[in-house]
Each structure stands twice: as C-alpha cells, then as structure tokens.
Amino acid sequence: MPVRVHSSFAIHPGVWLKDGVVAPTGLSIRALAKKMHVARPTLSKLLNGHAGLSSEMALRFEKAFGLNADTLMRMQVAHEMAQARERIDELRVHRVGKASSEALTE
C-alpha cells in the first residue's frame, strides 16, 4: 500500500529553503541570487512559494549549501501531489479495466 503524505506535511520547498536555509545566513535574495548565478526574480518566486523547484535549481542549492538535490526534488513532488489530491474530485476520468494482450499490441 502506498504511503500518502498529509498535505500539511507537504511544504513548498522554496518556503522551506527560505525559512530554514537562507534566512539563517542573513543573505538577501539579491545577494544569494548573485552567488548562485540566477536572476533575482526567479529566486524570489521560488523562495516565496510562487514557482516550483526545478532540478537545476535543486542542484544549485546542493552546491551552495550542501543540501541533497534529490531530497529537495522529493519535497517538490510531495507538494505538487498534495495540491493535486486536493482537486482530485475535479478530474473527470473513466476507470479502465485490466488491459488485454490484444489491446497492448494495437
């Protein structure tokens, strides 16, 4: 049985990075963006929870702070899944039965 993370645990990775990693350094977003060689608006959107974490940005945080990029990406997926699950009733999908071997060859 798959383990589902409650949406309250699926924090946006940017917000977590801002509060738990960046804030303790005392760096401004502008200064950090310069150190990470990214645009300030791009970093600001991520850290304020208005943009998702890309794999490249996760690697930049890994290089800058010694964090594990894979863990950061799992946080991003958990956050996205929690948001999607909140809207699952809006999805119109017909249940599909077990596929026959004939259907797989078509």
N, C-alpha and C. Protein backbone atom coordinates (compact mmCIF):
# COMPACT_ATOMS: atom_id res chain seq x y z
N MET A 1 0.85 -1.17 0.00
CA MET A 1 0.00 0.00 0.00
C MET A 1 0.90 1.24 0.00
N PRO A 2 0.64 2.20 -0.92
CA PRO A 2 1.47 3.39 -0.97
C PRO A 2 1.25 4.28 0.25
N VAL A 3 2.30 4.93 0.66
CA VAL A 3 2.23 5.86 1.78
C VAL A 3 1.86 7.23 1.23
N ARG A 4 0.86 7.86 1.80
CA ARG A 4 0.46 9.20 1.37
C ARG A 4 0.84 10.20 2.45
N VAL A 5 1.47 11.26 2.03
CA VAL A 5 1.86 12.33 2.95
C VAL A 5 0.68 13.27 3.09
N HIS A 6 0.31 13.58 4.34
CA HIS A 6 -0.77 14.53 4.58
C HIS A 6 -0.34 15.88 4.02
N SER A 7 -1.27 16.61 3.42
CA SER A 7 -0.94 17.87 2.76
C SER A 7 -0.27 18.87 3.70
N SER A 8 -0.52 18.77 4.99
CA SER A 8 0.10 19.70 5.92
C SER A 8 1.61 19.47 6.04
N PHE A 9 2.08 18.29 5.65
CA PHE A 9 3.50 17.99 5.69
C PHE A 9 4.18 18.30 4.36
N ALA A 10 3.41 18.58 3.34
CA ALA A 10 3.96 18.79 2.00
C ALA A 10 4.22 20.28 1.78
N ILE A 11 5.16 20.82 2.52
CA ILE A 11 5.50 22.24 2.43
C ILE A 11 6.19 22.52 1.10
N HIS A 12 5.95 23.71 0.57
CA HIS A 12 6.62 24.12 -0.66
C HIS A 12 8.12 24.18 -0.37
N PRO A 13 8.94 23.54 -1.21
CA PRO A 13 10.38 23.51 -0.92
C PRO A 13 11.01 24.90 -0.90
N GLY A 14 10.49 25.83 -1.69
CA GLY A 14 11.04 27.17 -1.69
C GLY A 14 10.84 27.88 -0.36
N VAL A 15 9.65 27.72 0.20
CA VAL A 15 9.36 28.32 1.50
C VAL A 15 10.25 27.70 2.58
N TRP A 16 10.41 26.38 2.51
CA TRP A 16 11.28 25.69 3.46
C TRP A 16 12.73 26.18 3.32
N LEU A 17 13.18 26.31 2.08
CA LEU A 17 14.54 26.81 1.84
C LEU A 17 14.70 28.22 2.39
N LYS A 18 13.71 29.07 2.16
CA LYS A 18 13.79 30.46 2.62
C LYS A 18 13.88 30.52 4.15
N ASP A 19 12.98 29.80 4.82
CA ASP A 19 12.92 29.88 6.28
C ASP A 19 14.04 29.09 6.97
N GLY A 20 14.33 27.92 6.43
CA GLY A 20 15.26 27.04 7.14
C GLY A 20 16.70 27.08 6.69
N VAL A 21 16.95 27.59 5.49
CA VAL A 21 18.31 27.55 4.95
C VAL A 21 18.84 28.95 4.66
N VAL A 22 18.06 29.74 3.94
CA VAL A 22 18.54 31.06 3.52
C VAL A 22 18.49 32.08 4.66
N ALA A 23 17.38 32.16 5.36
CA ALA A 23 17.23 33.17 6.42
C ALA A 23 18.36 33.13 7.45
N PRO A 24 18.76 31.94 7.92
CA PRO A 24 19.85 31.92 8.92
C PRO A 24 21.18 32.49 8.42
N THR A 25 21.36 32.56 7.11
CA THR A 25 22.61 33.11 6.59
C THR A 25 22.63 34.63 6.63
N GLY A 26 21.44 35.24 6.69
CA GLY A 26 21.35 36.69 6.68
C GLY A 26 21.50 37.30 5.29
N LEU A 27 21.64 36.46 4.27
CA LEU A 27 21.78 36.95 2.90
C LEU A 27 20.44 37.44 2.36
N SER A 28 20.48 38.51 1.60
CA SER A 28 19.28 38.96 0.90
C SER A 28 19.08 38.05 -0.31
N ILE A 29 17.88 38.10 -0.86
CA ILE A 29 17.61 37.32 -2.07
C ILE A 29 18.51 37.79 -3.20
N ARG A 30 18.73 39.09 -3.28
CA ARG A 30 19.59 39.66 -4.32
C ARG A 30 21.02 39.12 -4.20
N ALA A 31 21.55 39.11 -2.98
CA ALA A 31 22.92 38.63 -2.77
C ALA A 31 23.02 37.13 -3.06
N LEU A 32 22.03 36.38 -2.61
CA LEU A 32 22.05 34.93 -2.86
C LEU A 32 21.93 34.63 -4.35
N ALA A 33 21.06 35.36 -5.03
CA ALA A 33 20.89 35.16 -6.48
C ALA A 33 22.22 35.39 -7.19
N LYS A 34 22.95 36.40 -6.76
CA LYS A 34 24.24 36.68 -7.38
C LYS A 34 25.22 35.53 -7.13
N LYS A 35 25.25 35.01 -5.90
CA LYS A 35 26.15 33.89 -5.56
C LYS A 35 25.78 32.62 -6.32
N MET A 36 24.47 32.44 -6.58
CA MET A 36 24.01 31.23 -7.26
C MET A 36 23.94 31.39 -8.78
N HIS A 37 24.24 32.62 -9.26
CA HIS A 37 24.21 32.92 -10.70
C HIS A 37 22.84 32.65 -11.31
N VAL A 38 21.81 33.19 -10.63
CA VAL A 38 20.43 33.12 -11.13
C VAL A 38 19.82 34.51 -11.05
N ALA A 39 18.75 34.72 -11.78
CA ALA A 39 18.06 36.00 -11.73
C ALA A 39 17.35 36.17 -10.39
N ARG A 40 17.42 37.38 -9.84
CA ARG A 40 16.78 37.64 -8.56
C ARG A 40 15.28 37.35 -8.58
N PRO A 41 14.53 37.76 -9.64
CA PRO A 41 13.09 37.45 -9.65
C PRO A 41 12.81 35.94 -9.65
N THR A 42 13.65 35.17 -10.32
CA THR A 42 13.48 33.72 -10.36
C THR A 42 13.63 33.13 -8.96
N LEU A 43 14.67 33.54 -8.26
CA LEU A 43 14.90 33.04 -6.90
C LEU A 43 13.81 33.52 -5.95
N SER A 44 13.41 34.76 -6.10
CA SER A 44 12.35 35.32 -5.24
C SER A 44 11.05 34.54 -5.39
N LYS A 45 10.67 34.25 -6.63
CA LYS A 45 9.43 33.49 -6.87
C LYS A 45 9.50 32.12 -6.21
N LEU A 46 10.64 31.46 -6.31
CA LEU A 46 10.80 30.14 -5.68
C LEU A 46 10.69 30.26 -4.17
N LEU A 47 11.47 31.16 -3.58
CA LEU A 47 11.53 31.25 -2.12
C LEU A 47 10.24 31.75 -1.50
N ASN A 48 9.41 32.42 -2.28
CA ASN A 48 8.11 32.88 -1.77
C ASN A 48 6.97 31.93 -2.13
N GLY A 49 7.31 30.76 -2.70
CA GLY A 49 6.31 29.74 -2.98
C GLY A 49 5.47 30.00 -4.21
N HIS A 50 5.94 30.89 -5.11
CA HIS A 50 5.17 31.22 -6.31
C HIS A 50 5.67 30.51 -7.56
N ALA A 51 6.72 29.72 -7.41
CA ALA A 51 7.25 28.93 -8.54
C ALA A 51 7.79 27.62 -7.97
N GLY A 52 7.72 26.58 -8.79
CA GLY A 52 8.22 25.28 -8.37
C GLY A 52 9.75 25.22 -8.43
N LEU A 53 10.29 24.24 -7.76
CA LEU A 53 11.73 24.00 -7.74
C LEU A 53 12.10 23.14 -8.94
N SER A 54 13.00 23.64 -9.77
CA SER A 54 13.48 22.86 -10.92
C SER A 54 14.65 21.99 -10.46
N SER A 55 14.95 20.98 -11.24
CA SER A 55 16.08 20.11 -10.91
C SER A 55 17.39 20.90 -10.94
N GLU A 56 17.51 21.83 -11.86
CA GLU A 56 18.73 22.65 -11.92
C GLU A 56 18.88 23.52 -10.68
N MET A 57 17.78 24.12 -10.24
CA MET A 57 17.84 24.96 -9.04
C MET A 57 18.14 24.09 -7.81
N ALA A 58 17.59 22.89 -7.77
CA ALA A 58 17.90 21.98 -6.67
C ALA A 58 19.40 21.69 -6.62
N LEU A 59 19.98 21.50 -7.79
CA LEU A 59 21.43 21.26 -7.85
C LEU A 59 22.22 22.50 -7.42
N ARG A 60 21.72 23.68 -7.75
CA ARG A 60 22.39 24.91 -7.30
C ARG A 60 22.36 25.01 -5.78
N PHE A 61 21.23 24.66 -5.16
CA PHE A 61 21.17 24.67 -3.70
C PHE A 61 22.07 23.59 -3.10
N GLU A 62 22.17 22.46 -3.78
CA GLU A 62 23.08 21.41 -3.32
C GLU A 62 24.52 21.93 -3.31
N LYS A 63 24.92 22.58 -4.39
CA LYS A 63 26.28 23.11 -4.48
C LYS A 63 26.51 24.26 -3.49
N ALA A 64 25.52 25.12 -3.32
CA ALA A 64 25.69 26.30 -2.47
C ALA A 64 25.63 25.97 -0.97
N PHE A 65 24.76 25.04 -0.59
CA PHE A 65 24.52 24.80 0.83
C PHE A 65 24.82 23.37 1.29
N GLY A 66 25.18 22.49 0.36
CA GLY A 66 25.46 21.12 0.75
C GLY A 66 24.22 20.28 0.99
N LEU A 67 23.08 20.76 0.49
CA LEU A 67 21.83 20.00 0.62
C LEU A 67 21.80 18.90 -0.42
N ASN A 68 20.90 17.93 -0.24
CA ASN A 68 20.75 16.87 -1.21
C ASN A 68 19.68 17.27 -2.21
N ALA A 69 20.06 17.44 -3.48
CA ALA A 69 19.12 17.86 -4.52
C ALA A 69 17.98 16.87 -4.69
N ASP A 70 18.27 15.57 -4.54
CA ASP A 70 17.21 14.56 -4.69
C ASP A 70 16.14 14.73 -3.61
N THR A 71 16.56 15.04 -2.40
CA THR A 71 15.60 15.26 -1.32
C THR A 71 14.75 16.49 -1.61
N LEU A 72 15.38 17.54 -2.10
CA LEU A 72 14.63 18.75 -2.44
C LEU A 72 13.60 18.46 -3.53
N MET A 73 13.97 17.65 -4.51
CA MET A 73 13.03 17.32 -5.58
C MET A 73 11.89 16.45 -5.06
N ARG A 74 12.17 15.57 -4.10
CA ARG A 74 11.09 14.77 -3.49
C ARG A 74 10.12 15.69 -2.75
N MET A 75 10.65 16.74 -2.12
CA MET A 75 9.79 17.72 -1.46
C MET A 75 8.87 18.40 -2.48
N GLN A 76 9.44 18.73 -3.65
CA GLN A 76 8.65 19.38 -4.70
C GLN A 76 7.52 18.47 -5.17
N VAL A 77 7.85 17.20 -5.41
CA VAL A 77 6.83 16.24 -5.87
C VAL A 77 5.76 16.04 -4.80
N ALA A 78 6.16 15.93 -3.53
CA ALA A 78 5.18 15.76 -2.45
C ALA A 78 4.25 16.97 -2.38
N HIS A 79 4.80 18.15 -2.56
CA HIS A 79 3.98 19.37 -2.53
C HIS A 79 2.99 19.37 -3.70
N GLU A 80 3.48 19.05 -4.89
CA GLU A 80 2.61 19.03 -6.08
C GLU A 80 1.51 17.98 -5.95
N MET A 81 1.86 16.80 -5.43
CA MET A 81 0.86 15.74 -5.27
C MET A 81 -0.19 16.13 -4.24
N ALA A 82 0.22 16.78 -3.16
CA ALA A 82 -0.74 17.21 -2.15
C ALA A 82 -1.72 18.22 -2.75
N GLN A 83 -1.20 19.14 -3.57
CA GLN A 83 -2.08 20.11 -4.23
C GLN A 83 -3.03 19.41 -5.20
N ALA A 84 -2.52 18.47 -5.97
CA ALA A 84 -3.35 17.76 -6.94
C ALA A 84 -4.43 16.94 -6.23
N ARG A 85 -4.07 16.29 -5.13
CA ARG A 85 -5.05 15.48 -4.39
C ARG A 85 -6.19 16.32 -3.84
N GLU A 86 -5.92 17.57 -3.52
CA GLU A 86 -6.98 18.46 -3.04
C GLU A 86 -8.01 18.72 -4.14
N ARG A 87 -7.60 18.56 -5.40
CA ARG A 87 -8.50 18.81 -6.53
C ARG A 87 -8.89 17.53 -7.26
N ILE A 88 -8.68 16.38 -6.66
CA ILE A 88 -8.91 15.10 -7.35
C ILE A 88 -10.36 14.93 -7.79
N ASP A 89 -11.29 15.48 -7.04
CA ASP A 89 -12.70 15.34 -7.41
C ASP A 89 -13.06 16.10 -8.67
N GLU A 90 -12.23 17.04 -9.07
CA GLU A 90 -12.46 17.81 -10.28
C GLU A 90 -12.02 17.06 -11.55
N LEU A 91 -11.25 16.00 -11.37
CA LEU A 91 -10.73 15.24 -12.52
C LEU A 91 -11.81 14.31 -13.05
N ARG A 92 -12.07 14.41 -14.34
CA ARG A 92 -13.04 13.51 -14.98
C ARG A 92 -12.26 12.39 -15.64
N VAL A 93 -12.41 11.21 -15.08
CA VAL A 93 -11.68 10.03 -15.57
C VAL A 93 -12.60 8.83 -15.49
N HIS A 94 -12.60 8.03 -16.54
CA HIS A 94 -13.33 6.76 -16.53
C HIS A 94 -12.35 5.67 -16.13
N ARG A 95 -12.76 4.84 -15.22
CA ARG A 95 -11.93 3.74 -14.75
C ARG A 95 -11.66 2.79 -15.92
N VAL A 96 -10.45 2.31 -16.04
CA VAL A 96 -10.05 1.41 -17.10
C VAL A 96 -9.76 0.05 -16.47
N GLY A 97 -10.33 -0.99 -17.08
CA GLY A 97 -10.12 -2.33 -16.58
C GLY A 97 -8.73 -2.84 -16.98
N LYS A 98 -8.47 -4.04 -16.58
CA LYS A 98 -7.19 -4.67 -16.91
C LYS A 98 -7.06 -4.77 -18.44
N ALA A 99 -5.94 -4.36 -18.95
CA ALA A 99 -5.72 -4.36 -20.41
C ALA A 99 -5.49 -5.79 -20.90
N SER A 100 -6.09 -6.10 -22.02
CA SER A 100 -5.86 -7.41 -22.63
C SER A 100 -4.56 -7.36 -23.42
N SER A 101 -4.00 -8.50 -23.73
CA SER A 101 -2.76 -8.54 -24.52
C SER A 101 -3.00 -8.01 -25.92
N GLU A 102 -4.25 -8.16 -26.45
CA GLU A 102 -4.56 -7.63 -27.77
C GLU A 102 -4.49 -6.10 -27.78
N ALA A 103 -5.00 -5.47 -26.74
CA ALA A 103 -5.01 -4.01 -26.67
C ALA A 103 -3.61 -3.45 -26.58
N LEU A 104 -2.70 -4.22 -25.99
CA LEU A 104 -1.33 -3.74 -25.84
C LEU A 104 -0.57 -3.74 -27.17
N THR A 105 -1.01 -4.56 -28.12
CA THR A 105 -0.30 -4.63 -29.40
C THR A 105 -0.84 -3.67 -30.44
N GLU A 106 -1.95 -3.04 -30.15
CA GLU A 106 -2.57 -2.12 -31.13
C GLU A 106 -1.87 -0.80 -31.16
